[in-house]
PDB file of N, CA and C in Angstrom:
ATOM      1  N   MET A   1       7.104  -7.011  10.085  1.00  0.00           N
ATOM      2  CA  MET A   1       6.959  -6.115   8.950  1.00  0.00           C
ATOM      3  C   MET A   1       7.970  -6.531   7.878  1.00  0.00           C
ATOM      4  N   ARG A   2       7.536  -6.492   6.637  1.00  0.00           N
ATOM      5  CA  ARG A   2       8.401  -6.872   5.521  1.00  0.00           C
ATOM      6  C   ARG A   2       9.457  -5.806   5.252  1.00  0.00           C
ATOM      7  N   GLU A   3      10.482  -6.217   4.533  1.00  0.00           N
ATOM      8  CA  GLU A   3      11.603  -5.327   4.210  1.00  0.00           C
ATOM      9  C   GLU A   3      11.236  -4.339   3.101  1.00  0.00           C
ATOM     10  N   ILE A   4      11.908  -3.184   3.109  1.00  0.00           N
ATOM     11  CA  ILE A   4      11.779  -2.204   2.041  1.00  0.00           C
ATOM     12  C   ILE A   4      12.294  -2.830   0.746  1.00  0.00           C
ATOM     13  N   LYS A   5      11.603  -2.577  -0.353  1.00  0.00           N
ATOM     14  CA  LYS A   5      12.013  -3.136  -1.649  1.00  0.00           C
ATOM     15  C   LYS A   5      12.772  -2.083  -2.448  1.00  0.00           C
ATOM     16  N   LYS A   6      13.890  -2.508  -3.021  1.00  0.00           N
ATOM     17  CA  LYS A   6      14.677  -1.627  -3.895  1.00  0.00           C
ATOM     18  C   LYS A   6      14.866  -2.362  -5.211  1.00  0.00           C
ATOM     19  N   ASP A   7      13.849  -2.280  -6.064  1.00  0.00           N
ATOM     20  CA  ASP A   7      13.841  -3.005  -7.328  1.00  0.00           C
ATOM     21  C   ASP A   7      13.727  -2.029  -8.493  1.00  0.00           C
ATOM     22  N   LYS A   8      13.388  -2.544  -9.685  1.00  0.00           N
ATOM     23  CA  LYS A   8      13.310  -1.684 -10.872  1.00  0.00           C
ATOM     24  C   LYS A   8      12.255  -0.593 -10.735  1.00  0.00           C
ATOM     25  N   PHE A   9      11.138  -0.884 -10.058  1.00  0.00           N
ATOM     26  CA  PHE A   9      10.096   0.123  -9.880  1.00  0.00           C
ATOM     27  C   PHE A   9      10.602   1.253  -8.987  1.00  0.00           C
ATOM     28  N   TRP A  10      11.350   0.906  -7.958  1.00  0.00           N
ATOM     29  CA  TRP A  10      11.939   1.888  -7.042  1.00  0.00           C
ATOM     30  C   TRP A  10      12.937   2.761  -7.805  1.00  0.00           C
ATOM     31  N   ARG A  11      13.802   2.119  -8.624  1.00  0.00           N
ATOM     32  CA  ARG A  11      14.795   2.877  -9.403  1.00  0.00           C
ATOM     33  C   ARG A  11      14.122   3.760 -10.450  1.00  0.00           C
ATOM     34  N   ASP A  12      13.053   3.242 -11.080  1.00  0.00           N
ATOM     35  CA  ASP A  12      12.333   4.025 -12.092  1.00  0.00           C
ATOM     36  C   ASP A  12      11.709   5.292 -11.507  1.00  0.00           C
ATOM     37  N   ARG A  13      11.483   5.316 -10.220  1.00  0.00           N
ATOM     38  CA  ARG A  13      10.855   6.465  -9.569  1.00  0.00           C
ATOM     39  C   ARG A  13      11.860   7.312  -8.789  1.00  0.00           C
ATOM     40  N   GLY A  14      13.113   7.265  -9.226  1.00  0.00           N
ATOM     41  CA  GLY A  14      14.134   8.135  -8.663  1.00  0.00           C
ATOM     42  C   GLY A  14      14.784   7.614  -7.405  1.00  0.00           C
ATOM     43  N   SER A  15      14.633   6.334  -7.102  1.00  0.00           N
ATOM     44  CA  SER A  15      15.240   5.717  -5.914  1.00  0.00           C
ATOM     45  C   SER A  15      14.867   6.455  -4.629  1.00  0.00           C
ATOM     46  N   VAL A  16      13.618   6.918  -4.575  1.00  0.00           N
ATOM     47  CA  VAL A  16      13.099   7.637  -3.418  1.00  0.00           C
ATOM     48  C   VAL A  16      11.869   6.900  -2.911  1.00  0.00           C
ATOM     49  N   HIS A  17      11.774   6.753  -1.603  1.00  0.00           N
ATOM     50  CA  HIS A  17      10.572   6.159  -1.039  1.00  0.00           C
ATOM     51  C   HIS A  17      10.273   6.755   0.325  1.00  0.00           C
ATOM     52  N   ILE A  18       9.044   6.540   0.764  1.00  0.00           N
ATOM     53  CA  ILE A  18       8.617   6.936   2.090  1.00  0.00           C
ATOM     54  C   ILE A  18       7.729   5.811   2.614  1.00  0.00           C
ATOM     55  N   VAL A  19       7.824   5.520   3.885  1.00  0.00           N
ATOM     56  CA  VAL A  19       6.959   4.509   4.492  1.00  0.00           C
ATOM     57  C   VAL A  19       5.819   5.251   5.176  1.00  0.00           C
ATOM     58  N   ILE A  20       4.590   4.896   4.791  1.00  0.00           N
ATOM     59  CA  ILE A  20       3.419   5.586   5.320  1.00  0.00           C
ATOM     60  C   ILE A  20       2.451   4.597   5.950  1.00  0.00           C
ATOM     61  N   GLU A  21       1.678   5.103   6.874  1.00  0.00           N
ATOM     62  CA  GLU A  21       0.588   4.337   7.448  1.00  0.00           C
ATOM     63  C   GLU A  21      -0.701   4.848   6.826  1.00  0.00           C
ATOM     64  N   ILE A  22      -1.524   3.920   6.357  1.00  0.00           N
ATOM     65  CA  ILE A  22      -2.817   4.262   5.773  1.00  0.00           C
ATOM     66  C   ILE A  22      -3.884   3.821   6.764  1.00  0.00           C
ATOM     67  N   ALA A  23      -4.770   4.736   7.104  1.00  0.00           N
ATOM     68  CA  ALA A  23      -5.815   4.464   8.092  1.00  0.00           C
ATOM     69  C   ALA A  23      -7.179   4.830   7.521  1.00  0.00           C
ATOM     70  N   CYS A  24      -8.213   4.251   8.108  1.00  0.00           N
ATOM     71  CA  CYS A  24      -9.591   4.535   7.706  1.00  0.00           C
ATOM     72  C   CYS A  24      -9.956   5.956   8.123  1.00  0.00           C
ATOM     73  N   ASN A  25     -10.587   6.677   7.231  1.00  0.00           N
ATOM     74  CA  ASN A  25     -11.006   8.041   7.537  1.00  0.00           C
ATOM     75  C   ASN A  25     -12.273   8.061   8.391  1.00  0.00           C
ATOM     76  N   ASN A  26     -12.951   6.930   8.453  1.00  0.00           N
ATOM     77  CA  ASN A  26     -14.195   6.833   9.206  1.00  0.00           C
ATOM     78  C   ASN A  26     -13.934   6.554  10.694  1.00  0.00           C
ATOM     79  N   CYS A  27     -13.066   5.555  10.983  1.00  0.00           N
ATOM     80  CA  CYS A  27     -12.877   5.131  12.380  1.00  0.00           C
ATOM     81  C   CYS A  27     -11.427   5.244  12.856  1.00  0.00           C
ATOM     82  N   ASN A  28     -10.535   5.737  12.020  1.00  0.00           N
ATOM     83  CA  ASN A  28      -9.110   5.904  12.327  1.00  0.00           C
ATOM     84  C   ASN A  28      -8.358   4.596  12.540  1.00  0.00           C
ATOM     85  N   CYS A  29      -8.950   3.474  12.203  1.00  0.00           N
ATOM     86  CA  CYS A  29      -8.304   2.171  12.332  1.00  0.00           C
ATOM     87  C   CYS A  29      -7.179   2.067  11.294  1.00  0.00           C
ATOM     88  N   SER A  30      -6.018   1.565  11.714  1.00  0.00           N
ATOM     89  CA  SER A  30      -4.904   1.379  10.796  1.00  0.00           C
ATOM     90  C   SER A  30      -5.226   0.269   9.802  1.00  0.00           C
ATOM     91  N   ILE A  31      -5.012   0.541   8.527  1.00  0.00           N
ATOM     92  CA  ILE A  31      -5.272  -0.430   7.469  1.00  0.00           C
ATOM     93  C   ILE A  31      -3.983  -1.140   7.076  1.00  0.00           C
ATOM     94  N   MET A  32      -2.921  -0.366   6.830  1.00  0.00           N
ATOM     95  CA  MET A  32      -1.664  -0.964   6.391  1.00  0.00           C
ATOM     96  C   MET A  32      -0.492  -0.010   6.549  1.00  0.00           C
ATOM     97  N   ILE A  33       0.713  -0.597   6.500  1.00  0.00           N
ATOM     98  CA  ILE A  33       1.960   0.146   6.386  1.00  0.00           C
ATOM     99  C   ILE A  33       2.415  -0.090   4.949  1.00  0.00           C
ATOM    100  N   TYR A  34       2.747   0.987   4.244  1.00  0.00           N
ATOM    101  CA  TYR A  34       2.973   0.915   2.808  1.00  0.00           C
ATOM    102  C   TYR A  34       4.231   1.672   2.405  1.00  0.00           C
ATOM    103  N   GLN A  35       4.979   1.112   1.468  1.00  0.00           N
ATOM    104  CA  GLN A  35       6.154   1.769   0.903  1.00  0.00           C
ATOM    105  C   GLN A  35       5.731   2.526  -0.345  1.00  0.00           C
ATOM    106  N   LYS A  36       5.713   3.848  -0.273  1.00  0.00           N
ATOM    107  CA  LYS A  36       5.358   4.702  -1.422  1.00  0.00           C
ATOM    108  C   LYS A  36       6.644   5.094  -2.123  1.00  0.00           C
ATOM    109  N   ASP A  37       6.789   4.666  -3.369  1.00  0.00           N
ATOM    110  CA  ASP A  37       7.973   5.000  -4.163  1.00  0.00           C
ATOM    111  C   ASP A  37       7.724   6.262  -4.967  1.00  0.00           C
ATOM    112  N   GLY A  38       8.737   7.100  -5.072  1.00  0.00           N
ATOM    113  CA  GLY A  38       8.650   8.308  -5.884  1.00  0.00           C
ATOM    114  C   GLY A  38       7.850   9.411  -5.221  1.00  0.00           C
ATOM    115  N   ARG A  39       7.743  10.481  -5.941  1.00  0.00           N
ATOM    116  CA  ARG A  39       7.007  11.634  -5.461  1.00  0.00           C
ATOM    117  C   ARG A  39       5.591  11.602  -6.016  1.00  0.00           C
ATOM    118  N   GLY A  40       4.765  12.494  -5.571  1.00  0.00           N
ATOM    119  CA  GLY A  40       3.413  12.591  -6.106  1.00  0.00           C
ATOM    120  C   GLY A  40       2.367  12.056  -5.150  1.00  0.00           C
ATOM    121  N   ASN A  41       1.129  12.171  -5.576  1.00  0.00           N
ATOM    122  CA  ASN A  41       0.001  11.764  -4.747  1.00  0.00           C
ATOM    123  C   ASN A  41      -0.137  10.246  -4.716  1.00  0.00           C
ATOM    124  N   LEU A  42      -0.823   9.769  -3.714  1.00  0.00           N
ATOM    125  CA  LEU A  42      -1.093   8.345  -3.560  1.00  0.00           C
ATOM    126  C   LEU A  42      -2.458   8.046  -4.173  1.00  0.00           C
ATOM    127  N   HIS A  43      -2.469   7.295  -5.273  1.00  0.00           N
ATOM    128  CA  HIS A  43      -3.717   6.945  -5.947  1.00  0.00           C
ATOM    129  C   HIS A  43      -4.041   5.468  -5.826  1.00  0.00           C
ATOM    130  N   ARG A  44      -2.985   4.654  -5.655  1.00  0.00           N
ATOM    131  CA  ARG A  44      -3.170   3.206  -5.572  1.00  0.00           C
ATOM    132  C   ARG A  44      -2.084   2.635  -4.672  1.00  0.00           C
ATOM    133  N   VAL A  45      -2.348   1.453  -4.144  1.00  0.00           N
ATOM    134  CA  VAL A  45      -1.340   0.734  -3.369  1.00  0.00           C
ATOM    135  C   VAL A  45      -1.080  -0.594  -4.070  1.00  0.00           C
ATOM    136  N   TYR A  46       0.178  -0.824  -4.419  1.00  0.00           N
ATOM    137  CA  TYR A  46       0.579  -2.059  -5.084  1.00  0.00           C
ATOM    138  C   TYR A  46       0.766  -3.151  -4.039  1.00  0.00           C
ATOM    139  N   LEU A  47       0.341  -4.368  -4.367  1.00  0.00           N
ATOM    140  CA  LEU A  47       0.470  -5.475  -3.415  1.00  0.00           C
ATOM    141  C   LEU A  47       1.916  -5.687  -3.008  1.00  0.00           C
ATOM    142  N   ASN A  48       2.847  -5.523  -3.943  1.00  0.00           N
ATOM    143  CA  ASN A  48       4.248  -5.797  -3.626  1.00  0.00           C
ATOM    144  C   ASN A  48       4.930  -4.669  -2.855  1.00  0.00           C
ATOM    145  N   ARG A  49       4.165  -3.678  -2.405  1.00  0.00           N
ATOM    146  CA  ARG A  49       4.714  -2.598  -1.579  1.00  0.00           C
ATOM    147  C   ARG A  49       4.047  -2.543  -0.199  1.00  0.00           C
ATOM    148  N   ILE A  50       3.101  -3.438   0.059  1.00  0.00           N
ATOM    149  CA  ILE A  50       2.469  -3.484   1.374  1.00  0.00           C
ATOM    150  C   ILE A  50       3.438  -4.171   2.328  1.00  0.00           C
ATOM    151  N   LEU A  51       3.797  -3.498   3.414  1.00  0.00           N
ATOM    152  CA  LEU A  51       4.771  -4.013   4.370  1.00  0.00           C
ATOM    153  C   LEU A  51       4.113  -4.698   5.569  1.00  0.00           C
ATOM    154  N   ALA A  52       2.935  -4.272   5.954  1.00  0.00           N
ATOM    155  CA  ALA A  52       2.221  -4.838   7.107  1.00  0.00           C
ATOM    156  C   ALA A  52       0.768  -4.414   7.005  1.00  0.00           C
ATOM    157  N   PRO A  53      -0.161  -5.117   7.606  1.00  0.00           N
ATOM    158  CA  PRO A  53      -0.013  -6.363   8.353  1.00  0.00           C
ATOM    159  C   PRO A  53       0.257  -7.527   7.397  1.00  0.00           C
ATOM    160  N   GLU A  54       0.724  -8.621   7.933  1.00  0.00           N
ATOM    161  CA  GLU A  54       1.093  -9.777   7.120  1.00  0.00           C
ATOM    162  C   GLU A  54      -0.092 -10.314   6.319  1.00  0.00           C
ATOM    163  N   SER A  55      -1.304 -10.180   6.847  1.00  0.00           N
ATOM    164  CA  SER A  55      -2.486 -10.652   6.111  1.00  0.00           C
ATOM    165  C   SER A  55      -2.636  -9.951   4.761  1.00  0.00           C
ATOM    166  N   LEU A  56      -2.237  -8.689   4.665  1.00  0.00           N
ATOM    167  CA  LEU A  56      -2.260  -7.962   3.392  1.00  0.00           C
ATOM    168  C   LEU A  56      -0.927  -8.103   2.647  1.00  0.00           C
ATOM    169  N   ALA A  57       0.187  -8.064   3.377  1.00  0.00           N
ATOM    170  CA  ALA A  57       1.505  -8.175   2.745  1.00  0.00           C
ATOM    171  C   ALA A  57       1.674  -9.517   2.045  1.00  0.00           C
ATOM    172  N   SER A  58       1.065 -10.557   2.573  1.00  0.00           N
ATOM    173  CA  SER A  58       1.216 -11.900   1.992  1.00  0.00           C
ATOM    174  C   SER A  58       0.399 -12.070   0.709  1.00  0.00           C
ATOM    175  N   LEU A  59      -0.484 -11.139   0.389  1.00  0.00           N
ATOM    176  CA  LEU A  59      -1.257 -11.234  -0.848  1.00  0.00           C
ATOM    177  C   LEU A  59      -0.338 -11.300  -2.068  1.00  0.00           C
ATOM    178  N   GLN A  60       0.807 -10.595  -2.011  1.00  0.00           N
ATOM    179  CA  GLN A  60       1.731 -10.585  -3.141  1.00  0.00           C
ATOM    180  C   GLN A  60       2.289 -11.977  -3.436  1.00  0.00           C
ATOM    181  N   ASP A  61       2.290 -12.855  -2.435  1.00  0.00           N
ATOM    182  CA  ASP A  61       2.794 -14.212  -2.608  1.00  0.00           C
ATOM    183  C   ASP A  61       1.698 -15.193  -3.030  1.00  0.00           C
ATOM    184  N   LYS A  62       0.431 -14.835  -2.796  1.00  0.00           N
ATOM    185  CA  LYS A  62      -0.682 -15.757  -3.010  1.00  0.00           C
ATOM    186  C   LYS A  62      -1.547 -15.437  -4.216  1.00  0.00           C
ATOM    187  N   ILE A  63      -1.656 -14.169  -4.566  1.00  0.00           N
ATOM    188  CA  ILE A  63      -2.623 -13.733  -5.580  1.00  0.00           C
ATOM    189  C   ILE A  63      -1.932 -13.569  -6.936  1.00  0.00           C
ATOM    190  N   ALA A  64      -2.496 -14.201  -7.958  1.00  0.00           N
ATOM    191  CA  ALA A  64      -1.915 -14.119  -9.301  1.00  0.00           C
ATOM    192  C   ALA A  64      -2.792 -13.316 -10.258  1.00  0.00           C
ATOM    193  N   SER A  65      -4.047 -13.096  -9.903  1.00  0.00           N
ATOM    194  CA  SER A  65      -4.980 -12.420 -10.801  1.00  0.00           C
ATOM    195  C   SER A  65      -5.841 -11.441 -10.017  1.00  0.00           C
ATOM    196  N   VAL A  66      -6.230 -10.362 -10.672  1.00  0.00           N
ATOM    197  CA  VAL A  66      -7.088  -9.370 -10.031  1.00  0.00           C
ATOM    198  C   VAL A  66      -8.431  -9.999  -9.628  1.00  0.00           C
ATOM    199  N   LYS A  67      -8.846 -11.039 -10.332  1.00  0.00           N
ATOM    200  CA  LYS A  67     -10.112 -11.716 -10.018  1.00  0.00           C
ATOM    201  C   LYS A  67     -10.078 -12.415  -8.663  1.00  0.00           C
ATOM    202  N   GLN A  68      -8.886 -12.687  -8.147  1.00  0.00           N
ATOM    203  CA  GLN A  68      -8.752 -13.338  -6.846  1.00  0.00           C
ATOM    204  C   GLN A  68      -8.793 -12.338  -5.686  1.00  0.00           C
ATOM    205  N   LEU A  69      -8.697 -11.058  -5.991  1.00  0.00           N
ATOM    206  CA  LEU A  69      -8.682 -10.025  -4.955  1.00  0.00           C
ATOM    207  C   LEU A  69     -10.101  -9.600  -4.578  1.00  0.00           C
ATOM    208  N   HIS A  70     -10.280  -9.266  -3.319  1.00  0.00           N
ATOM    209  CA  HIS A  70     -11.541  -8.732  -2.828  1.00  0.00           C
ATOM    210  C   HIS A  70     -11.379  -7.237  -2.605  1.00  0.00           C
ATOM    211  N   LEU A  71     -12.476  -6.547  -2.385  1.00  0.00           N
ATOM    212  CA  LEU A  71     -12.414  -5.133  -2.039  1.00  0.00           C
ATOM    213  C   LEU A  71     -11.583  -4.961  -0.778  1.00  0.00           C
ATOM    214  N   LEU A  72     -10.834  -3.877  -0.701  1.00  0.00           N
ATOM    215  CA  LEU A  72     -10.079  -3.542   0.502  1.00  0.00           C
ATOM    216  C   LEU A  72     -11.009  -2.755   1.411  1.00  0.00           C
ATOM    217  N   LYS A  73     -11.358  -3.360   2.543  1.00  0.00           N
ATOM    218  CA  LYS A  73     -12.296  -2.724   3.471  1.00  0.00           C
ATOM    219  C   LYS A  73     -11.691  -2.646   4.865  1.00  0.00           C
ATOM    220  N   CYS A  74     -12.112  -1.638   5.588  1.00  0.00           N
ATOM    221  CA  CYS A  74     -11.755  -1.481   6.996  1.00  0.00           C
ATOM    222  C   CYS A  74     -12.637  -2.410   7.833  1.00  0.00           C
ATOM    223  N   GLU A  75     -12.228  -2.627   9.074  1.00  0.00           N
ATOM    224  CA  GLU A  75     -13.036  -3.418  10.012  1.00  0.00           C
ATOM    225  C   GLU A  75     -14.429  -2.822  10.191  1.00  0.00           C
ATOM    226  N   CYS A  76     -14.548  -1.498  10.049  1.00  0.00           N
ATOM    227  CA  CYS A  76     -15.841  -0.834  10.234  1.00  0.00           C
ATOM    228  C   CYS A  76     -16.741  -0.985   9.007  1.00  0.00           C
ATOM    229  N   GLY A  77     -16.217  -1.579   7.939  1.00  0.00           N
ATOM    230  CA  GLY A  77     -17.005  -1.801   6.730  1.00  0.00           C
ATOM    231  C   GLY A  77     -16.775  -0.790   5.620  1.00  0.00           C
ATOM    232  N   ARG A  78     -16.062   0.278   5.915  1.00  0.00           N
ATOM    233  CA  ARG A  78     -15.793   1.318   4.904  1.00  0.00           C
ATOM    234  C   ARG A  78     -14.907   0.766   3.791  1.00  0.00           C
ATOM    235  N   MET A  79     -15.291   0.992   2.541  1.00  0.00           N
ATOM    236  CA  MET A  79     -14.476   0.547   1.417  1.00  0.00           C
ATOM    237  C   MET A  79     -13.306   1.514   1.228  1.00  0.00           C
ATOM    238  N   ILE A  80     -12.091   0.960   1.218  1.00  0.00           N
ATOM    239  CA  ILE A  80     -10.877   1.758   1.098  1.00  0.00           C
ATOM    240  C   ILE A  80     -10.291   1.669  -0.306  1.00  0.00           C
ATOM    241  N   GLY A  81     -10.372   0.481  -0.919  1.00  0.00           N
ATOM    242  CA  GLY A  81      -9.761   0.295  -2.229  1.00  0.00           C
ATOM    243  C   GLY A  81     -10.460  -0.750  -3.078  1.00  0.00           C
ATOM    244  N   ILE A  82     -10.273  -0.612  -4.392  1.00  0.00           N
ATOM    245  CA  ILE A  82     -10.873  -1.497  -5.385  1.00  0.00           C
ATOM    246  C   ILE A  82      -9.747  -2.223  -6.121  1.00  0.00           C
ATOM    247  N   PRO A  83      -9.823  -3.552  -6.246  1.00  0.00           N
ATOM    248  CA  PRO A  83      -8.768  -4.290  -6.944  1.00  0.00           C
ATOM    249  C   PRO A  83      -8.589  -3.818  -8.384  1.00  0.00           C
ATOM    250  N   MET A  84      -7.336  -3.777  -8.824  1.00  0.00           N
ATOM    251  CA  MET A  84      -7.042  -3.366 -10.190  1.00  0.00           C
ATOM    252  C   MET A  84      -5.767  -4.039 -10.681  1.00  0.00           C
ATOM    253  N   HIS A  85      -5.634  -4.102 -11.983  1.00  0.00           N
ATOM    254  CA  HIS A  85      -4.415  -4.585 -12.620  1.00  0.00           C
ATOM    255  C   HIS A  85      -3.795  -3.387 -13.313  1.00  0.00           C
ATOM    256  N   HIS A  86      -2.651  -2.910 -12.813  1.00  0.00           N
ATOM    257  CA  HIS A  86      -2.006  -1.717 -13.363  1.00  0.00           C
ATOM    258  C   HIS A  86      -1.339  -2.057 -14.691  1.00  0.00           C
ATOM    259  N   TRP A  87      -1.196  -1.088 -15.569  1.00  0.00           N
ATOM    260  CA  TRP A  87      -0.593  -1.318 -16.885  1.00  0.00           C
ATOM    261  C   TRP A  87       0.836  -1.828 -16.804  1.00  0.00           C
ATOM    262  N   GLU A  88       1.524  -1.597 -15.684  1.00  0.00           N
ATOM    263  CA  GLU A  88       2.887  -2.110 -15.507  1.00  0.00           C
ATOM    264  C   GLU A  88       2.887  -3.618 -15.243  1.00  0.00           C
ATOM    265  N   GLY A  89       1.698  -4.191 -15.070  1.00  0.00           N
ATOM    266  CA  GLY A  89       1.605  -5.619 -14.807  1.00  0.00           C
ATOM    267  C   GLY A  89       1.491  -5.954 -13.332  1.00  0.00           C
ATOM    268  N   ARG A  90       1.388  -4.941 -12.496  1.00  0.00           N
ATOM    269  CA  ARG A  90       1.326  -5.157 -11.046  1.00  0.00           C
ATOM    270  C   ARG A  90      -0.116  -5.095 -10.560  1.00  0.00           C
ATOM    271  N   LEU A  91      -0.410  -5.939  -9.568  1.00  0.00           N
ATOM    272  CA  LEU A  91      -1.726  -5.910  -8.940  1.00  0.00           C
ATOM    273  C   LEU A  91      -1.736  -4.835  -7.865  1.00  0.00           C
ATOM    274  N   ALA A  92      -2.880  -4.175  -7.715  1.00  0.00           N
ATOM    275  CA  ALA A  92      -2.970  -3.045  -6.790  1.00  0.00           C
ATOM    276  C   ALA A  92      -4.417  -2.863  -6.340  1.00  0.00           C
ATOM    277  N   PHE A  93      -4.568  -1.965  -5.373  1.00  0.00           N
ATOM    278  CA  PHE A  93      -5.891  -1.470  -4.995  1.00  0.00           C
ATOM    279  C   PHE A  93      -5.938   0.000  -5.374  1.00  0.00           C
ATOM    280  N   ARG A  94      -6.936   0.398  -6.163  1.00  0.00           N
ATOM    281  CA  ARG A  94      -7.172   1.816  -6.450  1.00  0.00           C
ATOM    282  C   ARG A  94      -7.866   2.378  -5.225  1.00  0.00           C
ATOM    283  N   LEU A  95      -7.284   3.391  -4.619  1.00  0.00           N
ATOM    284  CA  LEU A  95      -7.826   3.933  -3.375  1.00  0.00           C
ATOM    285  C   LEU A  95      -9.044   4.812  -3.635  1.00  0.00           C
ATOM    286  N   VAL A  96     -10.012   4.702  -2.758  1.00  0.00           N
ATOM    287  CA  VAL A  96     -11.230   5.505  -2.836  1.00  0.00           C
ATOM    288  C   VAL A  96     -10.937   6.860  -2.206  1.00  0.00           C
ATOM    289  N   HIS A  97     -11.029   7.903  -3.009  1.00  0.00           N
ATOM    290  CA  HIS A  97     -10.739   9.261  -2.535  1.00  0.00           C
ATOM    291  C   HIS A  97     -11.626   9.597  -1.328  1.00  0.00           C
ATOM    292  N   GLY A  98     -11.007  10.078  -0.258  1.00  0.00           N
ATOM    293  CA  GLY A  98     -11.742  10.493   0.931  1.00  0.00           C
ATOM    294  C   GLY A  98     -12.021   9.377   1.925  1.00  0.00           C
ATOM    295  N   ALA A  99     -11.681   8.127   1.575  1.00  0.00           N
ATOM    296  CA  ALA A  99     -11.970   7.002   2.468  1.00  0.00           C
ATOM    297  C   ALA A  99     -10.822   6.707   3.417  1.00  0.00           C
ATOM    298  N   TYR A 100      -9.668   7.286   3.181  1.00  0.00           N
ATOM    299  CA  TYR A 100      -8.470   6.970   3.963  1.00  0.00           C
ATOM    300  C   TYR A 100      -7.710   8.245   4.308  1.00  0.00           C
ATOM    301  N   GLN A 101      -6.825   8.093   5.269  1.00  0.00           N
ATOM    302  CA  GLN A 101      -5.874   9.155   5.605  1.00  0.00           C
ATOM    303  C   GLN A 101      -4.501   8.514   5.643  1.00  0.00           C
ATOM    304  N   LYS A 102      -3.488   9.291   5.417  1.00  0.00           N
ATOM    305  CA  LYS A 102      -2.131   8.754   5.422  1.00  0.00           C
ATOM    306  C   LYS A 102      -1.209   9.690   6.188  1.00  0.00           C
ATOM    307  N   HIS A 103      -0.202   9.089   6.799  1.00  0.00           N
ATOM    308  CA  HIS A 103       0.840   9.876   7.439  1.00  0.00           C
ATOM    309  C   HIS A 103       2.110   9.049   7.510  1.00  0.00           C
ATOM    310  N   ARG A 104       3.226   9.731   7.680  1.00  0.00           N
ATOM    311  CA  ARG A 104       4.522   9.060   7.729  1.00  0.00           C
ATOM    312  C   ARG A 104       4.525   8.058   8.883  1.00  0.00           C
ATOM    313  N   TYR A 105       4.984   6.865   8.586  1.00  0.00           N
ATOM    314  CA  TYR A 105       5.027   5.805   9.601  1.00  0.00           C
ATOM    315  C   TYR A 105       6.204   6.044  10.526  1.00  0.00           C
ATOM    316  N   LYS A 106       5.928   6.030  11.823  1.00  0.00           N
ATOM    317  CA  LYS A 106       6.968   6.291  12.814  1.00  0.00           C
ATOM    318  C   LYS A 106       7.188   5.104  13.734  1.00  0.00           C
ATOM    319  N   GLY A 107       6.661   3.932  13.360  1.00  0.00           N
ATOM    320  CA  GLY A 107       6.745   2.744  14.210  1.00  0.00           C
ATOM    321  C   GLY A 107       8.159   2.289  14.493  1.00  0.00           C
ATOM    322  N   GLU A 108       8.778   1.643  13.531  1.00  0.00           N
ATOM    323  CA  GLU A 108      10.151   1.167  13.694  1.00  0.00           C
ATOM    324  C   GLU A 108      11.057   2.389  13.594  1.00  0.00           C
ATOM    325  N   SER A 109      12.093   2.432  14.399  1.00  0.00           N
ATOM    326  CA  SER A 109      12.925   3.634  14.420  1.00  0.00           C
ATOM    327  C   SER A 109      13.955   3.661  13.307  1.00  0.00           C
ATOM    328  N   ASN A 110      13.892   2.711  12.352  1.00  0.00           N
ATOM    329  CA  ASN A 110      14.781   2.766  11.196  1.00  0.00           C
ATOM    330  C   ASN A 110      14.376   3.946  10.320  1.00  0.00           C
ATOM    331  N   ASP A 111      15.341   4.639   9.788  1.00  0.00           N
ATOM    332  CA  ASP A 111      15.038   5.764   8.901  1.00  0.00           C
ATOM    333  C   ASP A 111      14.803   5.208   7.512  1.00  0.00           C
ATOM    334  N   HIS A 112      13.543   5.260   7.034  1.00  0.00           N
ATOM    335  CA  HIS A 112      13.201   4.699   5.751  1.00  0.00           C
ATOM    336  C   HIS A 112      13.189   5.733   4.637  1.00  0.00           C
ATOM    337  N   SER A 113      13.406   6.984   4.938  1.00  0.00           N
ATOM    338  CA  SER A 113      13.363   8.004   3.886  1.00  0.00           C
ATOM    339  C   SER A 113      14.774   8.255   3.359  1.00  0.00           C
ATOM    340  N   HIS A 114      14.836   8.614   2.085  1.00  0.00           N
ATOM    341  CA  HIS A 114      16.125   8.929   1.465  1.00  0.00           C
ATOM    342  C   HIS A 114      16.084  10.269   0.799  1.00  0.00           C
TER     343      HIS A 114
END
């Protein structure tokens, strides 16, 4: 799993984050472990905040344009997210409302909340 990021985006959102697991609402399959910065609802997942699995986390190192991204889908075929280019200049997936569930990640016993 990748390290928690503490950069300008993290500071801009009050230096607060939570690590969450995002799963498919259809089959309960885990999609990713994600670092959510700041408070508020989860509407999109930025590539540079995906911590695991490495197949998704490594996208931040490989993808330079939204045109290179594919739809974010679960193994069961359910569409979870749509590629987007956020106004901040970051690549992300806009999450499909009702297609996913999220909960606090309890995997590694490191305390990731502040």
